[in-house]
Protein backbone atom coordinates (compact mmCIF):
# COMPACT_ATOMS: atom_id res chain seq x y z
CA MET A 1 14.55 -33.19 3.70
CA ARG A 2 15.94 -29.68 2.69
CA GLY A 3 13.39 -27.20 1.32
CA LYS A 4 13.99 -24.47 -0.69
CA GLN A 5 12.36 -21.17 -0.41
CA ARG A 6 11.11 -19.41 -3.27
CA ARG A 7 10.96 -15.75 -3.63
CA ALA A 8 8.04 -14.27 -5.74
CA GLU A 9 9.46 -10.65 -5.00
CA PRO A 10 13.01 -9.15 -4.60
CA MET A 11 14.89 -9.14 -1.46
CA PHE A 12 15.67 -5.58 -1.53
CA SER A 13 13.75 -2.76 -2.80
CA MET A 14 14.88 0.81 -3.36
CA VAL A 15 12.56 3.54 -2.17
CA ARG A 16 13.19 7.23 -2.42
CA VAL A 17 12.07 9.60 0.34
CA GLU A 18 10.89 11.77 -2.79
CA ASP A 19 8.17 9.25 -3.80
CA LEU A 20 6.95 9.01 -0.07
CA VAL A 21 5.94 12.74 0.11
CA PRO A 22 3.03 13.75 -2.33
CA ALA A 23 3.52 16.63 -4.33
CA ASP A 24 1.01 18.94 -2.58
CA HIS A 25 2.40 18.13 0.76
CA LEU A 26 2.94 21.00 3.50
CA LEU A 27 6.61 19.94 3.68
CA ARG A 28 7.29 20.48 0.22
CA LYS A 29 6.05 23.98 0.38
CA ILE A 30 8.03 24.86 3.27
CA ASP A 31 11.26 23.26 1.61
CA ARG A 32 10.20 25.48 -1.62
CA TYR A 33 9.71 28.90 0.16
CA ILE A 34 11.71 28.84 3.06
CA ASP A 35 15.61 29.21 2.63
CA PHE A 36 17.20 27.45 6.04
CA SER A 37 20.65 27.60 4.58
CA ALA A 38 21.73 30.57 6.92
CA VAL A 39 21.10 28.28 9.90
CA GLU A 40 24.39 26.74 9.62
CA GLU A 41 26.08 29.74 9.21
CA GLN A 42 24.51 31.48 12.24
CA THR A 43 25.01 28.58 14.61
CA ARG A 44 28.68 27.66 13.69
CA SER A 45 30.01 29.26 16.44
CA LEU A 46 27.80 27.73 19.03
CA TYR A 47 28.96 24.17 18.37
CA SER A 48 32.49 22.84 19.50
CA HIS A 49 34.84 21.20 17.26
CA THR A 50 35.49 18.35 19.39
CA GLY A 51 33.10 15.35 20.78
CA ARG A 52 30.48 13.58 19.21
CA PRO A 53 28.83 15.15 16.11
CA SER A 54 25.88 16.97 16.98
CA ILE A 55 21.96 16.60 15.06
CA ASP A 56 22.20 19.20 12.15
CA PRO A 57 20.88 22.57 13.49
CA GLU A 58 19.08 23.04 10.17
CA VAL A 59 17.24 20.07 11.09
CA LEU A 60 16.11 21.17 14.33
CA ILE A 61 15.08 24.13 12.77
CA ARG A 62 12.64 22.26 10.48
CA MET A 63 11.40 19.73 13.13
CA MET A 64 10.41 23.06 15.43
CA ALA A 65 8.71 24.57 12.76
CA LEU A 66 6.67 21.33 11.87
CA GLY A 67 6.02 21.27 15.56
CA TYR A 68 4.64 24.43 15.56
CA LEU A 69 2.44 23.89 12.65
CA HIS A 70 1.08 20.84 14.00
CA GLY A 71 0.68 22.36 17.49
CA ILE A 72 3.33 19.32 18.83
CA THR A 73 5.25 21.24 21.95
CA SER A 74 7.13 17.72 22.41
CA GLU A 75 10.13 16.76 20.65
CA ARG A 76 9.33 13.29 21.83
CA ARG A 77 5.78 13.38 20.40
CA LEU A 78 7.00 15.16 17.31
CA CYS A 79 9.58 12.07 16.24
CA GLN A 80 6.61 9.60 17.55
CA LYS A 81 4.81 11.14 14.64
CA ASP A 82 7.13 11.01 11.94
CA ARG A 83 7.66 7.49 12.64
CA ARG A 84 3.89 6.53 12.52
CA ARG A 85 3.71 8.50 9.34
CA ALA A 86 6.60 6.63 7.82
CA SER A 87 5.02 2.99 8.59
């Protein structure tokens, strides 16, 4: 006999990153007061136009700043810390 699964909740849910970070979080203060837009212009000549796309230099600078603020010296540990917070 074939059964029928009944769902009590929707199969997909929409989650905005904005809803995951509290309003008083340090990340929001950094984003509000520090303008990282110059990073792209300053580093443009350092990147090749061929090959695989790189990680956005602005993202790398932001990650380095967070690592410094949290005392994390390893990029791998910084990524692991972000993943643990997200779950």
